[in-house]
Amino acid sequence: MMTSRVIFSIPYFSFPSISNKSPYPKLIPDTSAPISYAICCSTSTPGLPVTTERLRNDTPLTGGAFDFENATTSLTKRVLATPKKVTIVRHGLSSWNEESRVQGSSNLSILSEKGTMQAERCKMALSDIHFDQCFSSPISRAKTTAEIIWKGKEEPLVFLDSLKEAHLFFLEGMKNEDAKRIYPKEYTTWREDPSKFCVDGVYPLQKLWGRAHEAWEEILLTPGEHFLVVTHKSILRALICTALGLGPERFRSVDINNGGLCVFKFNKEGEAMLQSLNMTAHMYTDHVYHH
């Protein structure tokens, strides 16, 4: 194998004060302490590790990917008849959202007046798009949101248990401030390190990741090309992460607003590409989305 090494230097630049005469700063190179970088290149032989070096300031340097094989993971483990597109909606504001309560899988939290308005906005925003099918969580706040968005369609709503929200045991229904005071260890773990949140040997996020995989299979193996999904924030996070190959430790690396939209595209191999994340323009304007 032939390997070559290229070294180049980049100087630091300083930004002097902006004068009244010019709105733009002038970059002044500081040649006293340039940073040297090295890139190691090798032949594109499959299976060879990417060369990494660390130089000044412990800067990590890696070579480029050889190709895009195995860059993403199939969510179906089988070839689809056609490429797919999936638009996912988080339910509108609920009564427990407004009261700052831990929701989880409870069915006692219902769509609020504001949440109903948000669902109506979602319906209007998606009115120009044809969906072959709509899948929803059967839990009240998501179910009602889906019923509002899907009203007037010929195809019946499909309710999937795999789209239910995470089960958070004794925390469900508690106000966040009370949960933090009464169960400080459990509540803090759920908020700050949720993948390690455990009750009686059960890890809710592990269960959630399993259901997210199940939901993707159920949805993507359904005949049709464009689907609408209405569900909850935690399972929505799990759907996003599983599609992108991320584990439960990345659970809080994404956030979705009430009524926010996410769009995924899938190739025939069942591999995902995130097209849009948490679109909310329709929550504040009369914006209508198109294909």
C-alpha atoms as a PDB file:
ATOM      1  CA  MET A   1       0.000   0.000   0.000  1.00  0.00           C
ATOM      2  CA  MET A   2       1.306   3.427  -0.959  1.00  0.00           C
ATOM      3  CA  THR A   3       0.907   6.186   1.605  1.00  0.00           C
ATOM      4  CA  SER A   4       1.682   9.866   1.149  1.00  0.00           C
ATOM      5  CA  ARG A   5       1.771  12.651   3.728  1.00  0.00           C
ATOM      6  CA  VAL A   6       0.960  16.293   3.038  1.00  0.00           C
ATOM      7  CA  ILE A   7       1.771  19.019   5.559  1.00  0.00           C
ATOM      8  CA  PHE A   8       0.444  22.555   5.328  1.00  0.00           C
ATOM      9  CA  SER A   9       0.214  25.537   7.678  1.00  0.00           C
ATOM     10  CA  ILE A  10      -2.640  27.904   8.408  1.00  0.00           C
ATOM     11  CA  PRO A  11      -1.904  31.133  10.280  1.00  0.00           C
ATOM     12  CA  TYR A  12      -4.047  32.539  13.039  1.00  0.00           C
ATOM     13  CA  PHE A  13      -6.060  35.631  12.129  1.00  0.00           C
ATOM     14  CA  SER A  14      -6.907  38.441  14.495  1.00  0.00           C
ATOM     15  CA  PHE A  15      -9.917  40.752  14.319  1.00  0.00           C
ATOM     16  CA  PRO A  16      -9.119  44.410  15.158  1.00  0.00           C
ATOM     17  CA  SER A  17     -11.820  46.831  16.220  1.00  0.00           C
ATOM     18  CA  ILE A  18     -14.239  47.825  13.478  1.00  0.00           C
ATOM     19  CA  SER A  19     -13.775  51.461  12.503  1.00  0.00           C
ATOM     20  CA  ASN A  20     -16.609  53.843  11.813  1.00  0.00           C
ATOM     21  CA  LYS A  21     -15.477  54.092   8.208  1.00  0.00           C
ATOM     22  CA  SER A  22     -15.814  50.410   7.399  1.00  0.00           C
ATOM     23  CA  PRO A  23     -18.532  48.001   8.596  1.00  0.00           C
ATOM     24  CA  TYR A  24     -16.303  44.990   7.948  1.00  0.00           C
ATOM     25  CA  PRO A  25     -13.267  43.891   9.979  1.00  0.00           C
ATOM     26  CA  LYS A  26      -9.963  43.359   8.258  1.00  0.00           C
ATOM     27  CA  LEU A  27      -8.299  40.019   8.908  1.00  0.00           C
ATOM     28  CA  ILE A  28      -4.703  40.368  10.052  1.00  0.00           C
ATOM     29  CA  PRO A  29      -2.614  37.173   9.918  1.00  0.00           C
ATOM     30  CA  ASP A  30      -0.569  36.308  12.972  1.00  0.00           C
ATOM     31  CA  THR A  31       2.489  34.578  11.515  1.00  0.00           C
ATOM     32  CA  SER A  32       4.081  34.017  14.899  1.00  0.00           C
ATOM     33  CA  ALA A  33       2.155  30.831  15.633  1.00  0.00           C
ATOM     34  CA  PRO A  34       0.731  29.107  12.552  1.00  0.00           C
ATOM     35  CA  ILE A  35      -0.964  25.728  12.992  1.00  0.00           C
ATOM     36  CA  SER A  36       0.509  22.824  11.047  1.00  0.00           C
ATOM     37  CA  TYR A  37      -1.812  20.087   9.798  1.00  0.00           C
ATOM     38  CA  ALA A  38      -0.939  16.731   8.289  1.00  0.00           C
ATOM     39  CA  ILE A  39      -3.188  14.585   6.144  1.00  0.00           C
ATOM     40  CA  CYS A  40      -2.286  10.967   5.457  1.00  0.00           C
ATOM     41  CA  CYS A  41      -3.710   9.515   2.257  1.00  0.00           C
ATOM     42  CA  SER A  42      -3.717   5.851   1.311  1.00  0.00           C
ATOM     43  CA  THR A  43      -5.018   3.742  -1.525  1.00  0.00           C
ATOM     44  CA  SER A  44      -8.769   3.129  -1.478  1.00  0.00           C
ATOM     45  CA  THR A  45      -8.563  -0.421  -0.253  1.00  0.00           C
ATOM     46  CA  PRO A  46     -11.786  -1.626   1.451  1.00  0.00           C
ATOM     47  CA  GLY A  47     -11.344  -2.611   5.060  1.00  0.00           C
ATOM     48  CA  LEU A  48      -8.295  -0.443   5.731  1.00  0.00           C
ATOM     49  CA  PRO A  49      -8.633   1.827   8.792  1.00  0.00           C
ATOM     50  CA  VAL A  50      -8.784   5.567   8.240  1.00  0.00           C
ATOM     51  CA  THR A  51      -5.489   7.189   9.256  1.00  0.00           C
ATOM     52  CA  THR A  52      -5.789   9.645  12.102  1.00  0.00           C
ATOM     53  CA  GLU A  53      -3.102  11.952  13.503  1.00  0.00           C
ATOM     54  CA  ARG A  54      -3.133  14.483  16.304  1.00  0.00           C
ATOM     55  CA  LEU A  55      -0.956  17.544  16.116  1.00  0.00           C
ATOM     56  CA  ARG A  56      -0.922  20.909  17.833  1.00  0.00           C
ATOM     57  CA  ASN A  57      -3.801  21.586  20.241  1.00  0.00           C
ATOM     58  CA  ASP A  58      -4.656  17.877  20.055  1.00  0.00           C
ATOM     59  CA  THR A  59      -6.563  18.492  16.823  1.00  0.00           C
ATOM     60  CA  PRO A  60      -8.010  15.232  15.431  1.00  0.00           C
ATOM     61  CA  LEU A  61      -7.441  14.684  11.720  1.00  0.00           C
ATOM     62  CA  THR A  62      -9.055  11.938   9.691  1.00  0.00           C
ATOM     63  CA  GLY A  63      -8.968  10.866   6.075  1.00  0.00           C
ATOM     64  CA  GLY A  64     -12.103  10.860   3.947  1.00  0.00           C
ATOM     65  CA  ALA A  65     -14.506   7.930   3.626  1.00  0.00           C
ATOM     66  CA  PHE A  66     -13.633   5.394   0.934  1.00  0.00           C
ATOM     67  CA  ASP A  67     -17.218   5.158  -0.318  1.00  0.00           C
ATOM     68  CA  PHE A  68     -20.800   5.222   0.927  1.00  0.00           C
ATOM     69  CA  GLU A  69     -21.272   1.481   1.379  1.00  0.00           C
ATOM     70  CA  ASN A  70     -22.771   0.739   4.791  1.00  0.00           C
ATOM     71  CA  ALA A  71     -23.065   4.495   5.436  1.00  0.00           C
ATOM     72  CA  THR A  72     -26.667   4.022   6.595  1.00  0.00           C
ATOM     73  CA  THR A  73     -28.694   1.126   7.952  1.00  0.00           C
ATOM     74  CA  SER A  74     -31.732  -0.485   6.343  1.00  0.00           C
ATOM     75  CA  LEU A  75     -34.772  -0.192   8.583  1.00  0.00           C
ATOM     76  CA  THR A  76     -36.653  -2.921   6.723  1.00  0.00           C
ATOM     77  CA  LYS A  77     -33.977  -5.568   6.067  1.00  0.00           C
ATOM     78  CA  ARG A  78     -35.664  -6.131   2.710  1.00  0.00           C
ATOM     79  CA  VAL A  79     -36.003  -4.290  -0.606  1.00  0.00           C
ATOM     80  CA  LEU A  80     -39.050  -2.025  -0.930  1.00  0.00           C
ATOM     81  CA  ALA A  81     -41.206  -1.870  -4.062  1.00  0.00           C
ATOM     82  CA  THR A  82     -40.704   1.901  -4.306  1.00  0.00           C
ATOM     83  CA  PRO A  83     -38.824   4.682  -2.517  1.00  0.00           C
ATOM     84  CA  LYS A  84     -40.831   6.154   0.383  1.00  0.00           C
ATOM     85  CA  LYS A  85     -41.402   9.515   1.993  1.00  0.00           C
ATOM     86  CA  VAL A  86     -42.611   9.899   5.588  1.00  0.00           C
ATOM     87  CA  THR A  87     -43.808  13.122   7.211  1.00  0.00           C
ATOM     88  CA  ILE A  88     -43.975  12.958  11.021  1.00  0.00           C
ATOM     89  CA  VAL A  89     -45.987  15.388  13.166  1.00  0.00           C
ATOM     90  CA  ARG A  90     -45.746  15.887  16.900  1.00  0.00           C
ATOM     91  CA  HIS A  91     -49.205  16.277  18.459  1.00  0.00           C
ATOM     92  CA  GLY A  92     -50.506  19.724  19.378  1.00  0.00           C
ATOM     93  CA  LEU A  93     -50.126  21.262  22.835  1.00  0.00           C
ATOM     94  CA  SER A  94     -51.773  19.139  25.525  1.00  0.00           C
ATOM     95  CA  SER A  95     -53.270  19.887  28.928  1.00  0.00           C
ATOM     96  CA  TRP A  96     -50.245  18.377  30.691  1.00  0.00           C
ATOM     97  CA  ASN A  97     -47.854  20.317  28.440  1.00  0.00           C
ATOM     98  CA  GLU A  98     -49.551  23.476  29.688  1.00  0.00           C
ATOM     99  CA  GLU A  99     -49.376  22.303  33.316  1.00  0.00           C
ATOM    100  CA  SER A 100     -45.704  21.252  32.995  1.00  0.00           C
ATOM    101  CA  ARG A 101     -46.419  17.637  33.925  1.00  0.00           C
ATOM    102  CA  VAL A 102     -44.479  14.518  32.956  1.00  0.00           C
ATOM    103  CA  GLN A 103     -46.664  12.873  30.307  1.00  0.00           C
ATOM    104  CA  GLY A 104     -45.262   9.554  29.196  1.00  0.00           C
ATOM    105  CA  SER A 105     -47.728   6.887  28.119  1.00  0.00           C
ATOM    106  CA  SER A 106     -50.647   8.257  30.167  1.00  0.00           C
ATOM    107  CA  ASN A 107     -53.927   8.781  28.317  1.00  0.00           C
ATOM    108  CA  LEU A 108     -55.164  11.411  30.784  1.00  0.00           C
ATOM    109  CA  SER A 109     -53.519  14.358  29.031  1.00  0.00           C
ATOM    110  CA  ILE A 110     -55.785  15.710  26.296  1.00  0.00           C
ATOM    111  CA  LEU A 111     -55.372  18.174  23.445  1.00  0.00           C
ATOM    112  CA  SER A 112     -55.832  21.726  24.743  1.00  0.00           C
ATOM    113  CA  GLU A 113     -57.640  24.549  22.971  1.00  0.00           C
ATOM    114  CA  LYS A 114     -54.300  25.857  21.696  1.00  0.00           C
ATOM    115  CA  GLY A 115     -53.299  22.324  20.693  1.00  0.00           C
ATOM    116  CA  THR A 116     -56.484  21.969  18.652  1.00  0.00           C
ATOM    117  CA  MET A 117     -55.622  25.203  16.837  1.00  0.00           C
ATOM    118  CA  GLN A 118     -52.108  23.871  16.174  1.00  0.00           C
ATOM    119  CA  ALA A 119     -53.569  20.667  14.714  1.00  0.00           C
ATOM    120  CA  GLU A 120     -55.772  22.771  12.439  1.00  0.00           C
ATOM    121  CA  ARG A 121     -52.686  24.686  11.309  1.00  0.00           C
ATOM    122  CA  CYS A 122     -50.955  21.407  10.503  1.00  0.00           C
ATOM    123  CA  LYS A 123     -53.978  20.314   8.446  1.00  0.00           C
ATOM    124  CA  MET A 124     -53.878  23.555   6.451  1.00  0.00           C
ATOM    125  CA  ALA A 125     -50.097  23.428   6.025  1.00  0.00           C
ATOM    126  CA  LEU A 126     -50.283  19.890   4.606  1.00  0.00           C
ATOM    127  CA  SER A 127     -53.438  20.397   2.510  1.00  0.00           C
ATOM    128  CA  ASP A 128     -51.569  20.414  -0.827  1.00  0.00           C
ATOM    129  CA  ILE A 129     -49.765  17.122  -0.158  1.00  0.00           C
ATOM    130  CA  HIS A 130     -51.231  13.712  -0.959  1.00  0.00           C
ATOM    131  CA  PHE A 131     -50.628  11.025   1.646  1.00  0.00           C
ATOM    132  CA  ASP A 132     -51.400   7.378   0.939  1.00  0.00           C
ATOM    133  CA  GLN A 133     -51.960   6.586   4.599  1.00  0.00           C
ATOM    134  CA  CYS A 134     -51.884   8.161   8.049  1.00  0.00           C
ATOM    135  CA  PHE A 135     -50.490   6.301  11.068  1.00  0.00           C
ATOM    136  CA  SER A 136     -51.043   7.561  14.609  1.00  0.00           C
ATOM    137  CA  SER A 137     -50.445   6.727  18.229  1.00  0.00           C
ATOM    138  CA  PRO A 138     -53.749   5.670  19.833  1.00  0.00           C
ATOM    139  CA  ILE A 139     -53.052   7.874  22.895  1.00  0.00           C
ATOM    140  CA  SER A 140     -55.619  10.685  23.134  1.00  0.00           C
ATOM    141  CA  ARG A 141     -53.524  13.801  22.445  1.00  0.00           C
ATOM    142  CA  ALA A 142     -51.945  12.274  19.310  1.00  0.00           C
ATOM    143  CA  LYS A 143     -55.171  10.523  18.223  1.00  0.00           C
ATOM    144  CA  THR A 144     -57.155  13.777  18.335  1.00  0.00           C
ATOM    145  CA  THR A 145     -54.411  15.631  16.432  1.00  0.00           C
ATOM    146  CA  ALA A 146     -54.445  12.938  13.738  1.00  0.00           C
ATOM    147  CA  GLU A 147     -58.235  12.987  13.497  1.00  0.00           C
ATOM    148  CA  ILE A 148     -58.191  16.751  12.901  1.00  0.00           C
ATOM    149  CA  ILE A 149     -55.442  16.574  10.245  1.00  0.00           C
ATOM    150  CA  TRP A 150     -56.927  13.522   8.491  1.00  0.00           C
ATOM    151  CA  LYS A 151     -60.570  14.671   8.553  1.00  0.00           C
ATOM    152  CA  GLY A 152     -62.268  14.279   5.165  1.00  0.00           C
ATOM    153  CA  LYS A 153     -59.888  11.614   3.836  1.00  0.00           C
ATOM    154  CA  GLU A 154     -61.236   8.355   2.429  1.00  0.00           C
ATOM    155  CA  GLU A 155     -58.528   6.124   3.887  1.00  0.00           C
ATOM    156  CA  PRO A 156     -59.091   5.223   7.560  1.00  0.00           C
ATOM    157  CA  LEU A 157     -56.575   6.208  10.212  1.00  0.00           C
ATOM    158  CA  VAL A 158     -54.243   3.397  11.263  1.00  0.00           C
ATOM    159  CA  PHE A 159     -53.372   3.322  14.976  1.00  0.00           C
ATOM    160  CA  LEU A 160     -50.088   1.663  15.935  1.00  0.00           C
ATOM    161  CA  ASP A 161     -49.174   0.712  19.498  1.00  0.00           C
ATOM    162  CA  SER A 162     -45.538   1.023  18.420  1.00  0.00           C
ATOM    163  CA  LEU A 163     -46.104   4.804  18.147  1.00  0.00           C
ATOM    164  CA  LYS A 164     -47.145   5.161  21.808  1.00  0.00           C
ATOM    165  CA  GLU A 165     -45.099   7.414  24.069  1.00  0.00           C
ATOM    166  CA  ALA A 166     -42.404   6.167  26.463  1.00  0.00           C
ATOM    167  CA  HIS A 167     -43.674   4.598  29.697  1.00  0.00           C
ATOM    168  CA  LEU A 168     -42.250   6.602  32.615  1.00  0.00           C
ATOM    169  CA  PHE A 169     -43.819   4.719  35.512  1.00  0.00           C
ATOM    170  CA  PHE A 170     -44.435   6.746  38.705  1.00  0.00           C
ATOM    171  CA  LEU A 171     -43.234  10.024  37.158  1.00  0.00           C
ATOM    172  CA  GLU A 172     -46.232  10.200  34.824  1.00  0.00           C
ATOM    173  CA  GLY A 173     -48.716  12.892  35.768  1.00  0.00           C
ATOM    174  CA  MET A 174     -46.411  14.577  38.258  1.00  0.00           C
ATOM    175  CA  LYS A 175     -45.554  18.234  37.865  1.00  0.00           C
ATOM    176  CA  ASN A 176     -41.903  18.524  36.913  1.00  0.00           C
ATOM    177  CA  GLU A 177     -41.077  20.552  40.014  1.00  0.00           C
ATOM    178  CA  ASP A 178     -42.690  17.914  42.275  1.00  0.00           C
ATOM    179  CA  ALA A 179     -41.020  15.002  40.478  1.00  0.00           C
ATOM    180  CA  LYS A 180     -37.646  16.689  40.877  1.00  0.00           C
ATOM    181  CA  ARG A 181     -38.265  17.212  44.610  1.00  0.00           C
ATOM    182  CA  ILE A 182     -39.766  13.803  45.466  1.00  0.00           C
ATOM    183  CA  TYR A 183     -37.680  11.607  43.135  1.00  0.00           C
ATOM    184  CA  PRO A 184     -34.505  13.677  42.640  1.00  0.00           C
ATOM    185  CA  LYS A 185     -32.291  10.791  41.505  1.00  0.00           C
ATOM    186  CA  GLU A 186     -34.753   9.269  39.038  1.00  0.00           C
ATOM    187  CA  TYR A 187     -35.960  12.596  37.672  1.00  0.00           C
ATOM    188  CA  THR A 188     -32.438  13.975  37.205  1.00  0.00           C
ATOM    189  CA  THR A 189     -31.344  10.782  35.442  1.00  0.00           C
ATOM    190  CA  TRP A 190     -34.344  10.993  33.095  1.00  0.00           C
ATOM    191  CA  ARG A 191     -33.572  14.624  32.272  1.00  0.00           C
ATOM    192  CA  GLU A 192     -29.772  14.527  32.117  1.00  0.00           C
ATOM    193  CA  ASP A 193     -28.821  10.943  31.233  1.00  0.00           C
ATOM    194  CA  PRO A 194     -32.073   9.335  29.997  1.00  0.00           C
ATOM    195  CA  SER A 195     -30.484   6.230  28.466  1.00  0.00           C
ATOM    196  CA  LYS A 196     -29.572   5.171  32.028  1.00  0.00           C
ATOM    197  CA  PHE A 197     -33.025   5.860  33.481  1.00  0.00           C
ATOM    198  CA  CYS A 198     -34.165   2.531  34.917  1.00  0.00           C
ATOM    199  CA  VAL A 199     -37.128   1.368  37.025  1.00  0.00           C
ATOM    200  CA  ASP A 200     -37.147  -2.178  38.432  1.00  0.00           C
ATOM    201  CA  GLY A 201     -34.663  -3.328  35.819  1.00  0.00           C
ATOM    202  CA  VAL A 202     -36.601  -1.784  32.928  1.00  0.00           C
ATOM    203  CA  TYR A 203     -34.920   0.830  30.729  1.00  0.00           C
ATOM    204  CA  PRO A 204     -37.684   2.873  29.031  1.00  0.00           C
ATOM    205  CA  LEU A 205     -35.419   4.121  26.240  1.00  0.00           C
ATOM    206  CA  GLN A 206     -34.362   0.593  25.304  1.00  0.00           C
ATOM    207  CA  LYS A 207     -38.045  -0.288  25.007  1.00  0.00           C
ATOM    208  CA  LEU A 208     -38.626   2.902  23.024  1.00  0.00           C
ATOM    209  CA  TRP A 209     -35.820   2.133  20.563  1.00  0.00           C
ATOM    210  CA  GLY A 210     -37.263  -1.343  20.014  1.00  0.00           C
ATOM    211  CA  ARG A 211     -40.713   0.078  19.291  1.00  0.00           C
ATOM    212  CA  ALA A 212     -39.251   2.720  16.961  1.00  0.00           C
ATOM    213  CA  HIS A 213     -37.680  -0.040  14.846  1.00  0.00           C
ATOM    214  CA  GLU A 214     -40.992  -1.891  14.909  1.00  0.00           C
ATOM    215  CA  ALA A 215     -42.899   1.242  13.851  1.00  0.00           C
ATOM    216  CA  TRP A 216     -40.537   1.947  10.948  1.00  0.00           C
ATOM    217  CA  GLU A 217     -41.006  -1.605   9.643  1.00  0.00           C
ATOM    218  CA  GLU A 218     -44.789  -1.425   9.941  1.00  0.00           C
ATOM    219  CA  ILE A 219     -44.900   1.917   8.144  1.00  0.00           C
ATOM    220  CA  LEU A 220     -42.339   1.312   5.393  1.00  0.00           C
ATOM    221  CA  LEU A 221     -43.669  -2.129   4.431  1.00  0.00           C
ATOM    222  CA  THR A 222     -47.159  -0.686   3.864  1.00  0.00           C
ATOM    223  CA  PRO A 223     -48.090  -0.228   0.155  1.00  0.00           C
ATOM    224  CA  GLY A 224     -47.823   3.423  -0.869  1.00  0.00           C
ATOM    225  CA  GLU A 225     -45.175   6.075  -1.364  1.00  0.00           C
ATOM    226  CA  HIS A 226     -45.925   8.934   1.062  1.00  0.00           C
ATOM    227  CA  PHE A 227     -47.131   8.469   4.618  1.00  0.00           C
ATOM    228  CA  LEU A 228     -48.174  10.793   7.445  1.00  0.00           C
ATOM    229  CA  VAL A 229     -47.321   9.851  11.034  1.00  0.00           C
ATOM    230  CA  VAL A 230     -48.706  11.587  14.153  1.00  0.00           C
ATOM    231  CA  THR A 231     -47.081  10.810  17.481  1.00  0.00           C
ATOM    232  CA  HIS A 232     -45.276  12.088  20.613  1.00  0.00           C
ATOM    233  CA  LYS A 233     -41.945  13.776  21.277  1.00  0.00           C
ATOM    234  CA  SER A 234     -40.027  10.922  22.897  1.00  0.00           C
ATOM    235  CA  ILE A 235     -41.002   8.265  20.355  1.00  0.00           C
ATOM    236  CA  LEU A 236     -40.442  10.846  17.613  1.00  0.00           C
ATOM    237  CA  ARG A 237     -36.910  11.364  18.906  1.00  0.00           C
ATOM    238  CA  ALA A 238     -36.440   7.596  18.859  1.00  0.00           C
ATOM    239  CA  LEU A 239     -37.765   7.388  15.283  1.00  0.00           C
ATOM    240  CA  ILE A 240     -35.301  10.057  14.172  1.00  0.00           C
ATOM    241  CA  CYS A 241     -32.354   8.491  15.971  1.00  0.00           C
ATOM    242  CA  THR A 242     -33.048   4.926  14.822  1.00  0.00           C
ATOM    243  CA  ALA A 243     -33.415   6.118  11.224  1.00  0.00           C
ATOM    244  CA  LEU A 244     -30.032   7.859  11.471  1.00  0.00           C
ATOM    245  CA  GLY A 245     -28.322   4.988  13.289  1.00  0.00           C
ATOM    246  CA  LEU A 246     -28.004   6.823  16.625  1.00  0.00           C
ATOM    247  CA  GLY A 247     -28.290   5.113  20.006  1.00  0.00           C
ATOM    248  CA  PRO A 248     -30.365   6.017  23.096  1.00  0.00           C
ATOM    249  CA  GLU A 249     -27.500   8.128  24.471  1.00  0.00           C
ATOM    250  CA  ARG A 250     -28.312  10.650  21.689  1.00  0.00           C
ATOM    251  CA  PHE A 251     -31.967  10.874  22.744  1.00  0.00           C
ATOM    252  CA  ARG A 252     -31.856  14.556  23.701  1.00  0.00           C
ATOM    253  CA  SER A 253     -29.722  15.616  20.737  1.00  0.00           C
ATOM    254  CA  VAL A 254     -32.922  16.481  18.829  1.00  0.00           C
ATOM    255  CA  ASP A 255     -36.042  18.349  19.905  1.00  0.00           C
ATOM    256  CA  ILE A 256     -39.453  18.715  18.283  1.00  0.00           C
ATOM    257  CA  ASN A 257     -42.031  21.412  19.034  1.00  0.00           C
ATOM    258  CA  ASN A 258     -45.751  20.737  19.385  1.00  0.00           C
ATOM    259  CA  GLY A 259     -47.052  20.647  15.816  1.00  0.00           C
ATOM    260  CA  GLY A 260     -43.519  20.478  14.406  1.00  0.00           C
ATOM    261  CA  LEU A 261     -42.942  18.485  11.202  1.00  0.00           C
ATOM    262  CA  CYS A 262     -40.069  16.173  10.252  1.00  0.00           C
ATOM    263  CA  VAL A 263     -39.631  14.629   6.792  1.00  0.00           C
ATOM    264  CA  PHE A 264     -37.689  11.504   5.873  1.00  0.00           C
ATOM    265  CA  LYS A 265     -36.969   9.987   2.486  1.00  0.00           C
ATOM    266  CA  PHE A 266     -36.147   6.287   2.072  1.00  0.00           C
ATOM    267  CA  ASN A 267     -34.552   4.482  -0.838  1.00  0.00           C
ATOM    268  CA  LYS A 268     -35.654   1.002  -1.927  1.00  0.00           C
ATOM    269  CA  GLU A 269     -33.157  -0.548   0.487  1.00  0.00           C
ATOM    270  CA  GLY A 270     -34.981   1.062   3.415  1.00  0.00           C
ATOM    271  CA  GLU A 271     -32.146   3.500   4.156  1.00  0.00           C
ATOM    272  CA  ALA A 272     -33.139   6.893   5.533  1.00  0.00           C
ATOM    273  CA  MET A 273     -32.242  10.453   4.660  1.00  0.00           C
ATOM    274  CA  LEU A 274     -33.494  13.227   6.942  1.00  0.00           C
ATOM    275  CA  GLN A 275     -34.896  15.947   4.682  1.00  0.00           C
ATOM    276  CA  SER A 276     -36.424  18.327   7.241  1.00  0.00           C
ATOM    277  CA  LEU A 277     -36.276  18.573  11.018  1.00  0.00           C
ATOM    278  CA  ASN A 278     -38.838  20.340  13.227  1.00  0.00           C
ATOM    279  CA  MET A 279     -40.417  22.612  10.597  1.00  0.00           C
ATOM    280  CA  THR A 280     -42.657  25.110  12.419  1.00  0.00           C
ATOM    281  CA  ALA A 281     -43.280  27.948   9.924  1.00  0.00           C
ATOM    282  CA  HIS A 282     -46.964  26.922   9.787  1.00  0.00           C
ATOM    283  CA  MET A 283     -47.317  27.534  13.523  1.00  0.00           C
ATOM    284  CA  TYR A 284     -46.790  31.289  13.073  1.00  0.00           C
ATOM    285  CA  THR A 285     -47.849  31.959   9.474  1.00  0.00           C
ATOM    286  CA  ASP A 286     -50.276  30.560   6.892  1.00  0.00           C
ATOM    287  CA  HIS A 287     -47.427  28.693   5.229  1.00  0.00           C
ATOM    288  CA  VAL A 288     -48.440  25.715   3.061  1.00  0.00           C
ATOM    289  CA  TYR A 289     -45.939  22.971   2.269  1.00  0.00           C
ATOM    290  CA  HIS A 290     -45.625  21.296  -1.130  1.00  0.00           C
ATOM    291  CA  HIS A 291     -44.059  18.077  -2.406  1.00  0.00           C
END
